[in-house]
Amino acid sequence: MAAYRILSISDGLAEKVRSARTAPGYGHPVHAEIATGYGPCRLCLRDFRVGVDRRLLFTLDPFHGIEEFPLPGPVFIHEAECDRHPEHGGFPADLRSHDLTVVAYGRGRLQRAEERVAGGGDVDGAIGRLLARADVDYLHVRDTRAGCYDLRVERA
């Protein structure tokens, strides 16, 4: 078992987005489309099948309920129901091939460090090194090329 847990968005948040068709906390309309990029879905953390899967684009603040200062950005989920990635399921297999930036935060949304991991690189090593720091409380994983938020990582 990994020494960390993976936190995708919650099932409840995904259901609210799918049913209300508005961005949580912002009220912006959700945009539905056939996938033109790989994603990933921020609930199941699997890549979209380009030209096949329908996805919903909405604004998300990954710091909501955790930190005082927001940092909203665009994210996607599958339009149809999908299963949330298990918190103790290890790092998502589909994301291992992506170029990733692992950002380490201390309380107060203070950025302490970051590591970039090329697709196929040692993301587990980067996570381990960053979580070993005493000044780090949690991590965000972002797509390096697009800059989008993918998921949160905490100690197990």
Protein backbone atom coordinates (compact mmCIF):
# COMPACT_ATOMS: atom_id res chain seq x y z
CA MET A 1 0.00 0.00 0.00
CA ALA A 2 1.24 3.49 -0.87
CA ALA A 3 2.35 5.86 1.91
CA TYR A 4 -0.01 8.42 0.47
CA ARG A 5 -3.62 8.72 -0.57
CA ILE A 6 -5.02 10.14 -3.79
CA LEU A 7 -7.95 12.55 -3.53
CA SER A 8 -9.96 13.11 -6.66
CA ILE A 9 -13.07 15.28 -6.53
CA SER A 10 -15.90 13.75 -4.51
CA ASP A 11 -18.80 11.72 -5.88
CA GLY A 12 -21.16 14.35 -4.45
CA LEU A 13 -19.42 17.19 -6.26
CA ALA A 14 -19.48 15.28 -9.55
CA GLU A 15 -23.20 14.53 -9.12
CA LYS A 16 -23.96 18.22 -8.42
CA VAL A 17 -22.10 19.27 -11.56
CA ARG A 18 -23.86 16.63 -13.66
CA SER A 19 -27.33 17.46 -12.38
CA ALA A 20 -27.22 21.26 -11.92
CA ARG A 21 -24.94 21.91 -14.91
CA THR A 22 -23.29 24.78 -13.04
CA ALA A 23 -19.82 25.15 -11.54
CA PRO A 24 -19.80 24.65 -7.76
CA GLY A 25 -19.22 27.89 -5.91
CA TYR A 26 -19.25 29.98 -9.08
CA GLY A 27 -22.53 29.26 -10.87
CA HIS A 28 -20.88 29.38 -14.30
CA PRO A 29 -22.60 27.13 -16.83
CA VAL A 30 -21.03 23.73 -17.44
CA HIS A 31 -19.95 23.00 -21.00
CA ALA A 32 -20.60 19.53 -22.46
CA GLU A 33 -18.58 18.20 -25.39
CA ILE A 34 -17.03 15.15 -27.02
CA ALA A 35 -13.48 14.80 -25.66
CA THR A 36 -10.91 16.62 -27.77
CA GLY A 37 -8.08 15.90 -25.34
CA TYR A 38 -7.04 13.14 -22.95
CA GLY A 39 -8.12 14.86 -19.74
CA PRO A 40 -8.14 13.15 -17.24
CA CYS A 41 -11.57 12.92 -15.63
CA ARG A 42 -11.11 14.49 -12.17
CA LEU A 43 -13.32 11.84 -10.54
CA CYS A 44 -12.14 8.47 -11.89
CA LEU A 45 -8.71 9.87 -12.92
CA ARG A 46 -8.78 7.95 -16.20
CA ASP A 47 -7.94 9.50 -19.55
CA PHE A 48 -10.78 10.42 -21.90
CA ARG A 49 -11.09 8.56 -25.16
CA VAL A 50 -10.65 11.40 -27.65
CA GLY A 51 -13.56 11.65 -30.09
CA VAL A 52 -15.59 9.10 -28.08
CA ASP A 53 -16.21 10.10 -24.45
CA ARG A 54 -18.54 12.94 -23.55
CA ARG A 55 -17.17 15.22 -20.86
CA LEU A 56 -18.22 18.22 -18.81
CA LEU A 57 -15.99 21.28 -18.42
CA PHE A 58 -16.43 23.42 -15.31
CA THR A 59 -14.61 25.77 -12.95
CA LEU A 60 -13.18 24.19 -9.80
CA ASP A 61 -11.31 25.67 -6.85
CA PRO A 62 -9.18 22.77 -5.55
CA PHE A 63 -8.51 24.76 -2.36
CA HIS A 64 -12.22 25.16 -1.48
CA GLY A 65 -12.83 24.20 2.15
CA ILE A 66 -9.10 23.75 2.76
CA GLU A 67 -7.53 27.18 2.32
CA GLU A 68 -8.85 30.71 2.54
CA PHE A 69 -7.54 31.94 -0.81
CA PRO A 70 -9.13 30.42 -3.93
CA LEU A 71 -7.32 29.40 -7.10
CA PRO A 72 -10.04 28.33 -9.57
CA GLY A 73 -9.40 26.75 -12.92
CA PRO A 74 -10.97 24.54 -15.60
CA VAL A 75 -11.44 20.79 -15.08
CA PHE A 76 -13.31 17.96 -16.79
CA ILE A 77 -15.34 14.97 -15.64
CA HIS A 78 -17.13 12.27 -17.61
CA GLU A 79 -20.67 13.32 -18.46
CA ALA A 80 -21.90 9.81 -17.58
CA GLU A 81 -21.35 8.29 -14.15
CA CYS A 82 -17.95 6.82 -13.41
CA ASP A 83 -16.34 5.41 -10.27
CA ARG A 84 -14.18 7.62 -8.09
CA HIS A 85 -10.51 6.63 -8.02
CA PRO A 86 -9.88 4.80 -4.72
CA GLU A 87 -7.96 6.94 -2.23
CA HIS A 88 -5.62 4.08 -1.36
CA GLY A 89 -5.42 2.77 -4.91
CA GLY A 90 -2.00 4.24 -5.65
CA PHE A 91 -1.17 6.75 -8.31
CA PRO A 92 -3.59 6.55 -11.27
CA ALA A 93 -2.17 4.38 -14.06
CA ASP A 94 -3.38 6.63 -16.90
CA LEU A 95 -1.65 9.70 -15.45
CA ARG A 96 1.76 8.01 -15.24
CA SER A 97 2.30 8.67 -18.96
CA HIS A 98 1.54 12.40 -18.63
CA ASP A 99 4.06 15.17 -18.02
CA LEU A 100 3.19 16.18 -14.45
CA THR A 101 4.07 18.93 -11.99
CA VAL A 102 3.81 17.95 -8.33
CA VAL A 103 3.36 21.07 -6.19
CA ALA A 104 3.98 20.93 -2.43
CA TYR A 105 1.96 23.24 -0.16
CA GLY A 106 2.12 24.20 3.47
CA ARG A 107 -0.92 25.53 5.34
CA GLY A 108 -2.08 28.91 4.10
CA ARG A 109 -1.63 27.78 0.48
CA LEU A 110 2.07 28.51 0.73
CA GLN A 111 3.95 26.81 -2.07
CA ARG A 112 7.00 25.09 -0.58
CA ALA A 113 8.44 23.21 -3.58
CA GLU A 114 7.60 21.53 -6.85
CA GLU A 115 8.96 18.72 -8.96
CA ARG A 116 8.32 18.10 -12.63
CA VAL A 117 8.03 14.50 -13.74
CA ALA A 118 8.26 13.62 -17.43
CA GLY A 119 5.73 11.10 -18.73
CA GLY A 120 6.77 7.64 -17.57
CA GLY A 121 9.02 9.13 -14.88
CA ASP A 122 9.16 8.39 -11.16
CA VAL A 123 6.08 10.22 -9.87
CA ASP A 124 6.04 8.04 -6.72
CA GLY A 125 9.57 9.20 -5.92
CA ALA A 126 8.61 12.85 -6.36
CA ILE A 127 5.57 12.38 -4.11
CA GLY A 128 7.66 10.61 -1.47
CA ARG A 129 10.37 13.28 -1.45
CA LEU A 130 7.89 16.14 -1.19
CA LEU A 131 5.73 14.52 1.50
CA ALA A 132 8.88 13.78 3.53
CA ARG A 133 9.39 17.52 4.03
CA ALA A 134 8.22 18.79 7.43
CA ASP A 135 6.97 22.06 5.92
CA VAL A 136 4.63 20.29 3.46
CA ASP A 137 1.02 19.49 4.34
CA TYR A 138 -0.33 18.27 0.97
CA LEU A 139 0.41 18.13 -2.74
CA HIS A 140 -1.40 19.05 -5.92
CA VAL A 141 -0.64 17.25 -9.14
CA ARG A 142 -1.06 19.33 -12.29
CA ASP A 143 -0.64 18.64 -15.98
CA THR A 144 2.65 20.32 -16.90
CA ARG A 145 1.64 21.29 -20.44
CA ALA A 146 -1.90 22.54 -19.75
CA GLY A 147 -1.30 23.66 -16.15
CA CYS A 148 -4.62 22.18 -15.06
CA TYR A 149 -5.25 20.70 -11.61
CA ASP A 150 -5.56 16.90 -11.67
CA LEU A 151 -5.67 15.67 -8.07
CA ARG A 152 -4.60 16.15 -4.45
CA VAL A 153 -2.18 13.92 -2.54
CA GLU A 154 -2.00 13.59 1.26
CA ARG A 155 -0.06 11.35 3.60
CA ALA A 156 -1.81 8.04 4.28
